[in-house]
């Protein structure tokens, strides 16, 4: 009887605290900042503006096919130039709506978005996470981390590891060179920009060797950054490296067979 009373009291207290929090900090849309019914949610207009990536897509790059290509189909680009990472998946296409979400998360300290985004990543990357051992972020250089105050990829990684019940290891990689922003660079320029920018973290060998590692980033454009990170991890003995990102730039027409 007493236990039941305590449970009811605890539930009532939590409800009261939740209502107080909603009054003090009303839930706002992650995309536009309008009021919504629950925290870490999107309003109807912003939700409609998000183009979530669904099958069919390339089994390696995760870029959508414009038509059904069969289970396990691989794009011509992935066959011609196979990446170091095993598989990549993105929750949504990079569009105006996706850019707004990423920008607010990245530069406006919308930390409450991380758990929601982690659920999106867990959904699109379920096959990858089922075989994974470790989740790690693409690291920021210390100068950029100081100016930005937090690494958005690290927050995504932390939330995803909690969501998927995996080990979160932010120390696997370190960024040893401050690179210029990738925005506006061509594919070749992006590859040159990040060449040699990443190294294995101090003492990370034991966490990498023979492990299935999931690398987390916010946006994937050409894949140059993911490729540079994957090379370091594979060279250090990782059994497999896969990539999950929040948004991906998709070529017009999608992937081709």
Protein backbone atom coordinates (compact mmCIF):
# COMPACT_ATOMS: atom_id res chain seq x y z
CA UNK A 1 0.00 0.00 0.00
CA UNK A 2 2.76 2.39 0.99
CA UNK A 3 4.74 1.59 -2.16
CA UNK A 4 1.71 2.36 -4.32
CA UNK A 5 1.21 5.70 -2.54
CA UNK A 6 4.85 6.64 -3.10
CA UNK A 7 4.62 5.74 -6.81
CA UNK A 8 1.47 7.87 -7.22
CA UNK A 9 3.08 10.79 -5.38
CA UNK A 10 6.25 10.52 -7.50
CA UNK A 11 4.23 10.48 -10.74
CA UNK A 12 2.21 13.50 -9.61
CA UNK A 13 5.39 15.36 -8.68
CA UNK A 14 6.94 14.66 -12.06
CA UNK A 15 3.80 15.87 -13.82
CA UNK A 16 3.84 19.05 -11.75
CA UNK A 17 7.50 19.69 -12.49
CA UNK A 18 6.93 19.07 -16.19
CA UNK A 19 4.06 21.57 -16.25
CA UNK A 20 6.13 24.12 -14.37
CA UNK A 21 8.99 23.64 -16.85
CA UNK A 22 6.60 24.15 -19.77
CA UNK A 23 5.46 27.44 -18.23
CA UNK A 24 8.97 28.64 -17.39
CA UNK A 25 10.50 27.36 -20.63
CA UNK A 26 7.66 26.79 -23.12
CA UNK A 27 8.37 24.19 -25.83
CA UNK A 28 9.50 25.79 -29.08
CA UNK A 29 9.85 24.34 -32.57
CA UNK A 30 13.41 23.19 -33.24
CA UNK A 31 13.24 24.72 -36.69
CA UNK A 32 11.54 28.10 -36.44
CA UNK A 33 11.08 28.78 -32.72
CA UNK A 34 7.28 28.89 -32.77
CA UNK A 35 5.38 27.40 -29.85
CA UNK A 36 4.64 23.68 -30.12
CA UNK A 37 2.91 21.15 -27.89
CA UNK A 38 6.03 19.31 -26.69
CA UNK A 39 9.74 19.88 -26.23
CA UNK A 40 12.24 18.71 -28.90
CA UNK A 41 9.60 18.74 -31.63
CA UNK A 42 8.86 20.46 -34.94
CA UNK A 43 5.80 22.46 -35.89
CA UNK A 44 3.72 21.16 -38.79
CA UNK A 45 5.22 23.59 -41.29
CA UNK A 46 8.83 22.73 -40.41
CA UNK A 47 8.06 19.01 -40.34
CA UNK A 48 6.63 19.25 -43.85
CA UNK A 49 9.83 20.95 -44.98
CA UNK A 50 12.06 18.04 -43.93
CA UNK A 51 12.81 15.43 -46.61
CA UNK A 52 13.66 12.32 -44.63
CA UNK A 53 15.70 9.75 -46.53
CA UNK A 54 13.94 6.45 -47.05
CA UNK A 55 14.75 3.29 -48.98
CA UNK A 56 15.72 2.60 -51.70
CA UNK A 57 19.24 3.94 -51.32
CA UNK A 58 22.80 2.82 -52.06
CA UNK A 59 23.86 0.16 -49.55
CA UNK A 60 27.27 1.83 -49.21
CA UNK A 61 26.81 5.60 -49.46
CA UNK A 62 23.18 5.81 -48.36
CA UNK A 63 22.39 8.19 -51.23
CA UNK A 64 18.78 7.58 -52.40
CA UNK A 65 18.04 5.86 -55.70
CA UNK A 66 15.34 7.47 -57.87
CA UNK A 67 13.78 4.03 -58.31
CA UNK A 68 13.74 0.61 -56.66
CA UNK A 69 17.09 -1.06 -57.38
CA UNK A 70 16.82 -4.19 -55.25
CA UNK A 71 18.03 -5.11 -51.78
CA UNK A 72 21.73 -4.37 -51.27
CA UNK A 73 22.13 -2.45 -54.55
CA UNK A 74 25.30 -0.34 -54.74
CA UNK A 75 25.63 2.83 -56.78
CA UNK A 76 28.01 3.17 -59.71
CA UNK A 77 30.01 5.80 -57.82
CA UNK A 78 30.54 3.50 -54.83
CA UNK A 79 31.65 0.67 -57.13
CA UNK A 80 34.07 2.90 -59.05
CA UNK A 81 35.44 4.69 -55.97
CA UNK A 82 34.72 2.56 -52.89
CA UNK A 83 35.07 4.60 -49.70
CA UNK A 84 37.14 3.52 -46.71
CA UNK A 85 34.03 3.48 -44.53
CA UNK A 86 31.73 0.48 -44.90
CA UNK A 87 28.36 2.23 -44.89
CA UNK A 88 26.97 5.73 -44.56
CA UNK A 89 23.44 6.79 -43.69
CA UNK A 90 21.80 10.20 -43.30
CA UNK A 91 18.50 11.02 -41.65
CA UNK A 92 17.46 13.70 -44.16
CA UNK A 93 18.42 15.42 -47.38
CA UNK A 94 20.21 18.71 -46.94
CA UNK A 95 17.55 21.28 -47.86
CA UNK A 96 16.53 24.72 -46.64
CA UNK A 97 14.53 23.12 -43.83
CA UNK A 98 17.38 20.80 -42.85
CA UNK A 99 19.89 23.65 -43.00
CA UNK A 100 17.72 25.68 -40.61
CA UNK A 101 17.63 22.80 -38.11
CA UNK A 102 21.37 22.18 -38.31
CA UNK A 103 22.21 25.88 -38.05
CA UNK A 104 20.06 26.42 -34.96
CA UNK A 105 21.53 23.32 -33.31
CA UNK A 106 25.08 24.25 -34.28
CA UNK A 107 25.15 27.98 -33.58
CA UNK A 108 22.16 28.76 -31.33
CA UNK A 109 22.84 26.30 -28.52
CA UNK A 110 19.66 24.29 -29.13
CA UNK A 111 20.99 21.40 -27.08
CA UNK A 112 17.51 20.01 -26.47
CA UNK A 113 17.48 18.95 -30.13
CA UNK A 114 20.16 16.27 -29.62
CA UNK A 115 17.86 13.51 -28.24
CA UNK A 116 15.33 14.05 -31.06
CA UNK A 117 18.06 13.98 -33.70
CA UNK A 118 19.54 10.88 -32.08
CA UNK A 119 16.22 9.08 -32.53
CA UNK A 120 16.26 10.01 -36.21
CA UNK A 121 19.80 8.64 -36.56
CA UNK A 122 18.87 5.46 -34.68
CA UNK A 123 16.01 4.89 -37.10
CA UNK A 124 17.94 5.33 -40.34
CA UNK A 125 21.03 3.58 -38.96
CA UNK A 126 19.38 0.63 -37.22
CA UNK A 127 21.28 -1.95 -39.30
CA UNK A 128 24.61 -0.24 -38.55
CA UNK A 129 23.97 0.22 -34.83
CA UNK A 130 22.93 -3.41 -34.43
CA UNK A 131 26.54 -4.44 -35.18
CA UNK A 132 28.35 -1.49 -33.60
CA UNK A 133 30.61 -1.36 -30.56
CA UNK A 134 31.56 2.30 -30.24
CA UNK A 135 30.12 5.70 -31.21
CA UNK A 136 32.52 8.59 -31.81
CA UNK A 137 32.17 12.12 -33.26
CA UNK A 138 34.10 13.94 -35.94
CA UNK A 139 36.29 16.15 -33.72
CA UNK A 140 36.65 19.92 -33.84
CA UNK A 141 40.00 21.64 -33.67
CA UNK A 142 40.62 23.10 -30.21
CA UNK A 143 40.47 26.67 -31.55
CA UNK A 144 37.06 26.15 -33.13
CA UNK A 145 35.81 24.28 -30.09
CA UNK A 146 36.81 27.24 -27.91
CA UNK A 147 34.96 29.74 -30.12
CA UNK A 148 31.86 27.56 -30.59
CA UNK A 149 31.79 26.25 -26.96
CA UNK A 150 30.62 22.75 -27.92
CA UNK A 151 31.00 20.16 -30.66
CA UNK A 152 27.58 19.46 -32.19
CA UNK A 153 28.77 16.08 -33.50
CA UNK A 154 29.88 15.12 -29.98
CA UNK A 155 26.44 15.99 -28.58
CA UNK A 156 24.79 13.91 -31.31
CA UNK A 157 27.16 11.03 -30.54
CA UNK A 158 26.49 11.21 -26.81
CA UNK A 159 22.72 11.20 -27.33
CA UNK A 160 22.86 8.40 -29.92
CA UNK A 161 25.06 6.20 -27.72
CA UNK A 162 22.53 6.61 -24.91
CA UNK A 163 19.64 5.88 -27.29
CA UNK A 164 21.30 2.77 -28.76
CA UNK A 165 22.97 1.50 -25.57
CA UNK A 166 26.48 1.75 -27.02
CA UNK A 167 29.80 2.99 -25.68
CA UNK A 168 30.42 6.70 -26.29
CA UNK A 169 34.12 7.37 -26.98
CA UNK A 170 34.79 11.01 -27.94
CA UNK A 171 38.55 10.54 -27.56
CA UNK A 172 39.14 8.19 -30.51
CA UNK A 173 40.10 10.97 -32.92
CA UNK A 174 41.75 14.34 -32.56
CA UNK A 175 41.90 17.19 -35.06
CA UNK A 176 45.53 18.26 -35.20
CA UNK A 177 45.22 20.92 -37.87
CA UNK A 178 42.81 23.86 -38.07
CA UNK A 179 41.22 23.51 -41.50
CA UNK A 180 39.34 26.20 -43.37
CA UNK A 181 35.54 25.84 -43.54
CA UNK A 182 34.47 23.35 -46.23
CA UNK A 183 31.57 25.49 -47.44
CA UNK A 184 32.08 26.59 -51.03
CA UNK A 185 34.96 24.19 -51.74
CA UNK A 186 34.96 21.65 -54.57
CA UNK A 187 35.31 17.94 -53.89
CA UNK A 188 39.07 17.97 -54.57
CA UNK A 189 39.53 21.09 -52.45
CA UNK A 190 37.64 19.48 -49.58
CA UNK A 191 39.82 16.36 -49.72
CA UNK A 192 43.00 18.44 -49.74
CA UNK A 193 41.66 20.63 -46.95
CA UNK A 194 41.20 17.73 -44.53
CA UNK A 195 44.20 15.66 -45.63
CA UNK A 196 46.29 14.92 -42.55
CA UNK A 197 43.95 16.89 -40.30
CA UNK A 198 42.99 13.91 -38.08
CA UNK A 199 44.99 11.55 -35.91
CA UNK A 200 44.21 8.78 -33.50
CA UNK A 201 43.63 10.07 -29.98
CA UNK A 202 46.25 9.40 -27.33
CA UNK A 203 45.74 5.96 -25.81
CA UNK A 204 42.81 5.15 -28.14
CA UNK A 205 44.36 2.06 -29.76
CA UNK A 206 42.65 -0.42 -27.46
CA UNK A 207 39.22 1.10 -28.08
CA UNK A 208 39.70 1.01 -31.85
CA UNK A 209 41.33 -2.32 -32.65
CA UNK A 210 38.88 -4.95 -33.91
CA UNK A 211 35.90 -2.72 -33.07
CA UNK A 212 32.92 -1.75 -35.23
CA UNK A 213 32.93 2.03 -34.97
CA UNK A 214 30.16 4.47 -35.85
CA UNK A 215 31.39 7.93 -36.80
CA UNK A 216 28.93 10.80 -36.28
CA UNK A 217 28.78 14.13 -38.14
CA UNK A 218 26.09 16.74 -38.62
CA UNK A 219 26.27 17.25 -42.41
CA UNK A 220 27.88 15.15 -45.13
CA UNK A 221 28.54 16.81 -48.48
CA UNK A 222 31.19 14.99 -50.53
CA UNK A 223 32.22 12.65 -47.72
CA UNK A 224 35.79 14.00 -47.61
CA UNK A 225 35.79 14.52 -43.83
CA UNK A 226 34.24 11.12 -43.11
CA UNK A 227 36.74 9.49 -45.45
CA UNK A 228 39.71 11.18 -43.74
CA UNK A 229 38.49 10.08 -40.30
CA UNK A 230 37.71 6.53 -41.45
CA UNK A 231 41.22 6.12 -42.88
CA UNK A 232 42.77 6.92 -39.50
CA UNK A 233 40.51 4.47 -37.67
CA UNK A 234 40.93 1.65 -40.18
CA UNK A 235 44.69 2.15 -40.22
CA UNK A 236 44.62 1.80 -36.41
CA UNK A 237 42.94 -1.59 -36.72
CA UNK A 238 39.19 -0.93 -36.62
CA UNK A 239 37.20 -3.90 -37.90
CA UNK A 240 34.76 -1.56 -39.62
CA UNK A 241 33.87 2.11 -39.69
CA UNK A 242 30.41 3.33 -40.66
CA UNK A 243 29.05 6.87 -40.77
CA UNK A 244 25.79 8.37 -39.53
CA UNK A 245 24.98 12.01 -40.19
CA UNK A 246 22.01 14.22 -39.62
CA UNK A 247 21.79 15.60 -43.17
CA UNK A 248 23.37 14.72 -46.51
CA UNK A 249 23.76 16.68 -49.71
CA UNK A 250 22.12 14.52 -52.38
CA UNK A 251 23.07 15.02 -56.06
CA UNK A 252 20.25 15.97 -58.40
CA UNK A 253 18.54 12.74 -59.41
CA UNK A 254 20.08 10.81 -56.52
CA UNK A 255 22.45 7.87 -56.94
CA UNK A 256 22.76 5.92 -60.18
CA UNK A 257 23.33 2.21 -60.75
